[in-house]
Structures are given as C-alpha cells and as structure tokens.
N, C-alpha and C. Protein backbone atom coordinates (compact mmCIF):
# COMPACT_ATOMS: atom_id res chain seq x y z
N MET A 1 53.94 -19.10 -23.48
CA MET A 1 52.88 -20.08 -23.42
C MET A 1 52.57 -20.46 -21.97
N GLU A 2 53.63 -20.51 -21.14
CA GLU A 2 53.45 -20.85 -19.72
C GLU A 2 52.55 -19.83 -19.03
N ALA A 3 52.74 -18.53 -19.32
CA ALA A 3 51.91 -17.49 -18.70
C ALA A 3 50.47 -17.65 -19.09
N LEU A 4 50.23 -18.04 -20.33
CA LEU A 4 48.86 -18.23 -20.81
C LEU A 4 48.21 -19.40 -20.09
N SER A 5 48.92 -20.51 -19.95
CA SER A 5 48.32 -21.68 -19.33
C SER A 5 48.07 -21.48 -17.84
N SER A 6 48.96 -20.74 -17.15
CA SER A 6 48.73 -20.51 -15.72
C SER A 6 47.55 -19.57 -15.48
N SER A 7 47.37 -18.59 -16.35
CA SER A 7 46.23 -17.69 -16.17
C SER A 7 44.92 -18.35 -16.56
N SER A 8 44.95 -19.30 -17.47
CA SER A 8 43.71 -19.95 -17.86
C SER A 8 43.24 -20.93 -16.80
N LYS A 9 44.14 -21.38 -15.90
CA LYS A 9 43.75 -22.29 -14.82
C LYS A 9 43.03 -21.55 -13.71
N GLU A 10 43.33 -20.26 -13.52
CA GLU A 10 42.68 -19.49 -12.47
C GLU A 10 41.28 -19.08 -12.90
N SER A 11 40.35 -19.15 -11.97
CA SER A 11 39.01 -18.66 -12.28
C SER A 11 39.05 -17.14 -12.20
N PRO A 12 38.18 -16.45 -12.92
CA PRO A 12 38.19 -15.01 -12.89
C PRO A 12 37.95 -14.45 -11.49
N MET A 13 37.27 -15.21 -10.62
CA MET A 13 37.00 -14.75 -9.27
C MET A 13 37.18 -15.93 -8.33
N PRO A 14 38.23 -15.96 -7.52
CA PRO A 14 38.45 -17.08 -6.60
C PRO A 14 37.28 -17.26 -5.65
N GLY A 15 37.19 -18.44 -5.01
CA GLY A 15 36.08 -18.81 -4.13
C GLY A 15 35.78 -17.81 -3.05
N SER A 16 36.80 -17.25 -2.41
CA SER A 16 36.56 -16.30 -1.33
C SER A 16 35.87 -15.04 -1.85
N ARG A 17 36.20 -14.65 -3.06
CA ARG A 17 35.53 -13.47 -3.64
C ARG A 17 34.07 -13.78 -3.95
N TRP A 18 33.78 -14.99 -4.39
CA TRP A 18 32.39 -15.39 -4.64
C TRP A 18 31.58 -15.33 -3.36
N MET A 19 32.16 -15.84 -2.28
CA MET A 19 31.46 -15.82 -1.00
C MET A 19 31.20 -14.39 -0.54
N LEU A 20 32.17 -13.52 -0.74
CA LEU A 20 32.00 -12.12 -0.38
C LEU A 20 30.88 -11.49 -1.20
N LEU A 21 30.88 -11.77 -2.50
CA LEU A 21 29.84 -11.23 -3.39
C LEU A 21 28.46 -11.73 -2.98
N ILE A 22 28.35 -13.01 -2.69
CA ILE A 22 27.06 -13.59 -2.29
C ILE A 22 26.60 -12.99 -0.96
N THR A 23 27.53 -12.82 -0.02
CA THR A 23 27.20 -12.22 1.27
C THR A 23 26.70 -10.79 1.09
N LEU A 24 27.37 -10.03 0.24
CA LEU A 24 26.94 -8.65 -0.03
C LEU A 24 25.56 -8.61 -0.66
N MET A 25 25.30 -9.51 -1.60
CA MET A 25 23.99 -9.55 -2.27
C MET A 25 22.90 -9.91 -1.26
N MET A 26 23.15 -10.87 -0.38
CA MET A 26 22.15 -11.27 0.62
C MET A 26 21.89 -10.12 1.60
N THR A 27 22.92 -9.40 1.97
CA THR A 27 22.77 -8.26 2.87
C THR A 27 21.90 -7.19 2.22
N CYS A 28 22.15 -6.93 0.94
CA CYS A 28 21.34 -5.93 0.22
C CYS A 28 19.89 -6.35 0.14
N LEU A 29 19.65 -7.63 -0.14
CA LEU A 29 18.27 -8.12 -0.22
C LEU A 29 17.58 -8.01 1.13
N ALA A 30 18.28 -8.33 2.19
CA ALA A 30 17.68 -8.23 3.52
C ALA A 30 17.39 -6.78 3.88
N ALA A 31 18.23 -5.87 3.46
CA ALA A 31 18.03 -4.44 3.75
C ALA A 31 16.83 -3.90 2.98
N CYS A 32 16.55 -4.47 1.81
CA CYS A 32 15.44 -4.00 0.99
C CYS A 32 14.10 -4.48 1.52
N GLU A 33 14.09 -5.50 2.36
CA GLU A 33 12.86 -6.05 2.90
C GLU A 33 12.20 -5.02 3.79
N HIS A 34 10.91 -4.77 3.56
CA HIS A 34 10.19 -3.76 4.34
C HIS A 34 9.21 -4.45 5.28
N LYS A 35 9.41 -4.21 6.55
CA LYS A 35 8.47 -4.72 7.54
C LYS A 35 7.66 -3.53 8.04
N PRO A 36 6.33 -3.67 8.10
CA PRO A 36 5.50 -2.55 8.52
C PRO A 36 5.85 -2.09 9.94
N THR A 37 5.88 -0.78 10.11
CA THR A 37 6.12 -0.21 11.44
C THR A 37 4.83 -0.31 12.25
N LYS A 38 4.92 -0.07 13.54
CA LYS A 38 3.72 -0.08 14.38
C LYS A 38 2.74 0.99 13.93
N GLU A 39 3.27 2.13 13.50
CA GLU A 39 2.42 3.22 13.02
C GLU A 39 1.67 2.78 11.76
N GLU A 40 2.35 2.09 10.84
CA GLU A 40 1.70 1.61 9.62
C GLU A 40 0.66 0.54 9.94
N GLU A 41 0.96 -0.34 10.89
CA GLU A 41 0.00 -1.36 11.28
C GLU A 41 -1.23 -0.74 11.92
N GLU A 42 -1.03 0.29 12.76
CA GLU A 42 -2.15 0.97 13.42
C GLU A 42 -3.02 1.70 12.39
N ALA A 43 -2.38 2.35 11.41
CA ALA A 43 -3.12 3.05 10.36
C ALA A 43 -3.94 2.08 9.52
N SER A 44 -3.42 0.88 9.30
CA SER A 44 -4.15 -0.08 8.48
C SER A 44 -5.43 -0.57 9.16
N LYS A 45 -5.50 -0.46 10.48
CA LYS A 45 -6.71 -0.88 11.20
C LYS A 45 -7.89 0.02 10.86
N ASN A 46 -7.62 1.26 10.47
CA ASN A 46 -8.67 2.22 10.13
C ASN A 46 -8.77 2.44 8.63
N THR A 47 -8.28 1.49 7.87
CA THR A 47 -8.23 1.64 6.42
C THR A 47 -9.01 0.53 5.74
N PHE A 48 -9.75 0.92 4.70
CA PHE A 48 -10.51 -0.04 3.92
C PHE A 48 -10.09 0.03 2.46
N ALA A 49 -10.11 -1.09 1.80
CA ALA A 49 -9.89 -1.15 0.35
C ALA A 49 -11.21 -1.57 -0.28
N CYS A 50 -11.69 -0.78 -1.24
CA CYS A 50 -12.96 -1.05 -1.91
C CYS A 50 -12.73 -1.02 -3.42
N LYS A 51 -13.78 -1.35 -4.15
CA LYS A 51 -13.74 -1.22 -5.61
C LYS A 51 -14.84 -0.28 -6.05
N GLN A 52 -14.46 0.61 -6.96
CA GLN A 52 -15.41 1.54 -7.56
C GLN A 52 -15.29 1.34 -9.06
N ALA A 53 -16.32 0.82 -9.67
CA ALA A 53 -16.32 0.52 -11.12
C ALA A 53 -15.13 -0.35 -11.49
N GLY A 54 -14.82 -1.35 -10.63
CA GLY A 54 -13.73 -2.27 -10.90
C GLY A 54 -12.35 -1.76 -10.54
N GLN A 55 -12.24 -0.50 -10.15
CA GLN A 55 -10.96 0.10 -9.80
C GLN A 55 -10.81 0.15 -8.27
N ARG A 56 -9.59 -0.04 -7.80
CA ARG A 56 -9.33 -0.05 -6.37
C ARG A 56 -9.36 1.37 -5.79
N LEU A 57 -9.98 1.49 -4.63
CA LEU A 57 -10.10 2.74 -3.90
C LEU A 57 -9.73 2.44 -2.45
N VAL A 58 -8.78 3.17 -1.89
CA VAL A 58 -8.36 2.95 -0.50
C VAL A 58 -8.84 4.14 0.33
N ILE A 59 -9.47 3.83 1.46
CA ILE A 59 -10.03 4.87 2.33
C ILE A 59 -9.45 4.69 3.72
N ARG A 60 -8.87 5.77 4.25
CA ARG A 60 -8.34 5.74 5.61
C ARG A 60 -9.14 6.71 6.46
N PHE A 61 -9.71 6.19 7.53
CA PHE A 61 -10.49 7.00 8.46
C PHE A 61 -9.57 7.47 9.57
N ASP A 62 -9.58 8.77 9.82
CA ASP A 62 -8.76 9.36 10.86
C ASP A 62 -9.65 10.29 11.67
N ALA A 63 -9.12 10.92 12.67
CA ALA A 63 -9.90 11.80 13.55
C ALA A 63 -10.56 12.92 12.75
N GLY A 64 -11.88 12.81 12.55
CA GLY A 64 -12.63 13.87 11.90
C GLY A 64 -12.54 13.92 10.39
N GLU A 65 -11.83 12.98 9.77
CA GLU A 65 -11.74 13.00 8.31
C GLU A 65 -11.52 11.62 7.73
N ALA A 66 -11.78 11.51 6.44
CA ALA A 66 -11.51 10.29 5.68
C ALA A 66 -10.66 10.70 4.49
N ARG A 67 -9.58 9.98 4.29
CA ARG A 67 -8.69 10.26 3.16
C ARG A 67 -8.80 9.12 2.17
N MET A 68 -9.04 9.49 0.92
CA MET A 68 -9.21 8.48 -0.12
C MET A 68 -8.07 8.58 -1.12
N LEU A 69 -7.65 7.42 -1.61
CA LEU A 69 -6.66 7.32 -2.67
C LEU A 69 -7.31 6.54 -3.79
N THR A 70 -7.50 7.20 -4.94
CA THR A 70 -8.17 6.56 -6.07
C THR A 70 -7.18 5.73 -6.88
N ALA A 71 -7.70 4.94 -7.81
CA ALA A 71 -6.86 4.10 -8.67
C ALA A 71 -5.92 4.94 -9.53
N THR A 72 -6.30 6.19 -9.82
CA THR A 72 -5.45 7.06 -10.64
C THR A 72 -4.42 7.82 -9.80
N GLY A 73 -4.44 7.59 -8.48
CA GLY A 73 -3.48 8.26 -7.61
C GLY A 73 -3.97 9.58 -7.04
N GLU A 74 -5.21 9.94 -7.34
CA GLU A 74 -5.78 11.18 -6.80
C GLU A 74 -6.07 11.01 -5.31
N ARG A 75 -5.70 12.01 -4.53
CA ARG A 75 -5.96 12.00 -3.09
C ARG A 75 -7.10 12.96 -2.79
N ILE A 76 -8.09 12.45 -2.06
CA ILE A 76 -9.26 13.24 -1.73
C ILE A 76 -9.45 13.21 -0.22
N THR A 77 -9.60 14.38 0.39
CA THR A 77 -9.85 14.46 1.83
C THR A 77 -11.29 14.88 2.04
N LEU A 78 -11.98 14.11 2.88
CA LEU A 78 -13.38 14.38 3.23
C LEU A 78 -13.44 14.64 4.73
N TYR A 79 -14.37 15.51 5.13
CA TYR A 79 -14.48 15.90 6.53
C TYR A 79 -15.77 15.34 7.12
N GLN A 80 -15.66 14.87 8.35
CA GLN A 80 -16.77 14.19 9.01
C GLN A 80 -17.96 15.12 9.23
N ILE A 81 -19.15 14.58 8.97
CA ILE A 81 -20.41 15.26 9.21
C ILE A 81 -21.17 14.43 10.24
N PRO A 82 -21.65 15.04 11.30
CA PRO A 82 -22.38 14.27 12.32
C PRO A 82 -23.59 13.54 11.72
N THR A 83 -23.79 12.33 12.17
CA THR A 83 -24.93 11.52 11.71
C THR A 83 -25.40 10.65 12.87
N THR A 84 -26.65 10.25 12.84
CA THR A 84 -27.19 9.43 13.94
C THR A 84 -26.75 7.98 13.83
N SER A 85 -26.42 7.54 12.64
CA SER A 85 -26.02 6.14 12.45
C SER A 85 -25.01 6.05 11.30
N GLY A 86 -23.99 5.26 11.47
CA GLY A 86 -23.01 5.06 10.40
C GLY A 86 -22.02 6.21 10.30
N VAL A 87 -21.50 6.39 9.08
CA VAL A 87 -20.50 7.44 8.85
C VAL A 87 -20.96 8.33 7.70
N ARG A 88 -20.50 9.57 7.74
CA ARG A 88 -20.78 10.51 6.66
C ARG A 88 -19.64 11.52 6.62
N TYR A 89 -19.02 11.63 5.45
CA TYR A 89 -17.90 12.55 5.23
C TYR A 89 -18.14 13.27 3.91
N SER A 90 -17.72 14.53 3.82
CA SER A 90 -17.91 15.28 2.59
C SER A 90 -16.86 16.40 2.48
N ASN A 91 -16.62 16.82 1.24
CA ASN A 91 -15.80 18.01 1.00
C ASN A 91 -16.54 19.01 0.13
N GLY A 92 -17.86 18.80 -0.03
CA GLY A 92 -18.68 19.69 -0.85
C GLY A 92 -18.95 19.12 -2.24
N ASN A 93 -17.99 18.42 -2.82
CA ASN A 93 -18.17 17.80 -4.14
C ASN A 93 -18.33 16.29 -4.05
N VAL A 94 -17.68 15.70 -3.08
CA VAL A 94 -17.69 14.24 -2.91
C VAL A 94 -18.16 13.94 -1.50
N GLU A 95 -19.02 12.91 -1.37
CA GLU A 95 -19.51 12.50 -0.06
C GLU A 95 -19.37 10.99 0.07
N LEU A 96 -18.98 10.55 1.24
CA LEU A 96 -18.88 9.13 1.56
C LEU A 96 -19.80 8.88 2.73
N ARG A 97 -20.67 7.88 2.58
CA ARG A 97 -21.59 7.56 3.67
C ARG A 97 -21.83 6.06 3.70
N GLY A 98 -22.24 5.60 4.86
CA GLY A 98 -22.53 4.18 5.00
C GLY A 98 -22.35 3.71 6.42
N LYS A 99 -22.30 2.38 6.54
CA LYS A 99 -22.17 1.76 7.85
C LYS A 99 -21.33 0.50 7.70
N GLY A 100 -20.29 0.38 8.52
CA GLY A 100 -19.41 -0.80 8.44
C GLY A 100 -18.72 -0.87 7.09
N GLU A 101 -18.86 -2.01 6.42
CA GLU A 101 -18.24 -2.20 5.12
C GLU A 101 -19.18 -1.87 3.96
N ASP A 102 -20.39 -1.39 4.29
CA ASP A 102 -21.39 -1.01 3.28
C ASP A 102 -21.28 0.49 3.06
N LEU A 103 -20.49 0.90 2.05
CA LEU A 103 -20.22 2.31 1.81
C LEU A 103 -20.70 2.76 0.44
N THR A 104 -21.15 4.01 0.39
CA THR A 104 -21.61 4.63 -0.86
C THR A 104 -20.85 5.93 -1.05
N LEU A 105 -20.41 6.14 -2.28
CA LEU A 105 -19.70 7.37 -2.64
C LEU A 105 -20.65 8.19 -3.51
N VAL A 106 -20.82 9.45 -3.16
CA VAL A 106 -21.68 10.36 -3.93
C VAL A 106 -20.77 11.42 -4.54
N GLU A 107 -20.68 11.41 -5.87
CA GLU A 107 -19.85 12.40 -6.56
C GLU A 107 -20.75 13.27 -7.42
N PHE A 108 -20.77 14.55 -7.12
CA PHE A 108 -21.56 15.53 -7.87
C PHE A 108 -23.01 15.08 -8.04
N GLY A 109 -23.59 14.54 -6.94
CA GLY A 109 -24.99 14.16 -6.93
C GLY A 109 -25.28 12.74 -7.37
N THR A 110 -24.31 12.00 -7.87
CA THR A 110 -24.53 10.62 -8.33
C THR A 110 -23.97 9.64 -7.31
N ALA A 111 -24.85 8.77 -6.77
CA ALA A 111 -24.46 7.79 -5.76
C ALA A 111 -23.93 6.52 -6.42
N ILE A 112 -22.78 6.05 -5.93
CA ILE A 112 -22.17 4.82 -6.43
C ILE A 112 -21.86 3.94 -5.22
N LYS A 113 -22.47 2.76 -5.19
CA LYS A 113 -22.20 1.83 -4.09
C LYS A 113 -20.82 1.23 -4.30
N LEU A 114 -19.98 1.32 -3.27
CA LEU A 114 -18.65 0.74 -3.34
C LEU A 114 -18.75 -0.77 -3.11
N GLU A 115 -17.97 -1.51 -3.85
CA GLU A 115 -18.03 -2.97 -3.79
C GLU A 115 -16.80 -3.53 -3.09
N ASP A 116 -16.96 -4.72 -2.53
CA ASP A 116 -15.84 -5.47 -1.93
C ASP A 116 -15.06 -4.68 -0.88
N CYS A 117 -15.73 -3.87 -0.08
CA CYS A 117 -15.02 -3.11 0.96
C CYS A 117 -14.58 -4.07 2.06
N GLN A 118 -13.27 -4.07 2.29
CA GLN A 118 -12.70 -4.94 3.31
C GLN A 118 -11.60 -4.19 4.04
N PRO A 119 -11.39 -4.54 5.30
CA PRO A 119 -10.26 -3.92 6.02
C PRO A 119 -8.97 -4.17 5.26
N TYR A 120 -8.18 -3.14 5.16
CA TYR A 120 -6.90 -3.22 4.46
C TYR A 120 -5.87 -3.89 5.36
N SER A 121 -5.06 -4.76 4.79
CA SER A 121 -4.00 -5.37 5.59
C SER A 121 -2.67 -5.02 4.95
N THR A 122 -1.69 -4.74 5.80
CA THR A 122 -0.38 -4.38 5.29
C THR A 122 0.26 -5.59 4.62
N PRO A 123 1.00 -5.36 3.52
CA PRO A 123 1.65 -6.47 2.84
C PRO A 123 2.66 -7.15 3.77
N LYS A 124 2.69 -8.47 3.71
CA LYS A 124 3.65 -9.23 4.51
C LYS A 124 4.96 -9.33 3.75
N SER A 125 6.06 -9.10 4.43
CA SER A 125 7.37 -9.15 3.79
C SER A 125 7.95 -10.52 3.89
C-alpha cells in the first residue's frame, strides 16, 4: 500500500520536464514561422493578384514574360509582345493585355476583364 500511495503523490511529469516540453514546443513553433526572403519580397513587387470569374489569379511579371497561377493550380507562361502602351503577353492560346492594374485576359478569342487587380503582398508571419 505504501508503494501505491508514494507513486500516486508524484505527477506523471515533474515540473522540470514540463518546462523542457514547453521549451521544445516553443522552439518548434518558432522554427515553423516563415519570414519572406529578400528574393520573395522582390518578386512580390512584380506580382499582381486578380479575380477571374470570382476565382483568384496570380500574375508575376518577369523579364520578357508573365507567369500566371490559376485558382486550379494551372501554371501558364506568356511571352512579352512589344506594344506602344501598356503590356501585352501571349503564348498563342492565351493573351494578357492592359495597363497598370487594368488587365484583360483573352483565352481562345474571348476577352475577360480581370477584376480587383492589386499588387500582391507577401503574407506577414
């Protein structure tokens, strides 16, 4: 009976073990935190988030091309076409054209004005 009563007085994990566990958990959480790199911040300056038929579309402008990521995860690369004003990119099937945040996507001959185009900002951690 004495052995039973002495073991029931001890907590399953003494205080120092709790502190160690909490410290380990906090370290893991801090390691999981993602802070944007300078490269990611620079890329976001040339990136826009728009809506196409209510779905999010992300467009990144780079040297001579525009890369799009659709809501379904499809990646589309368009190549720059010289224009006197604004921007124009195409891959033969899809064309992106416009000026500033006023962009139009032309897919297989059908023009769709993109809505709510705004510069993309990296998520804050």
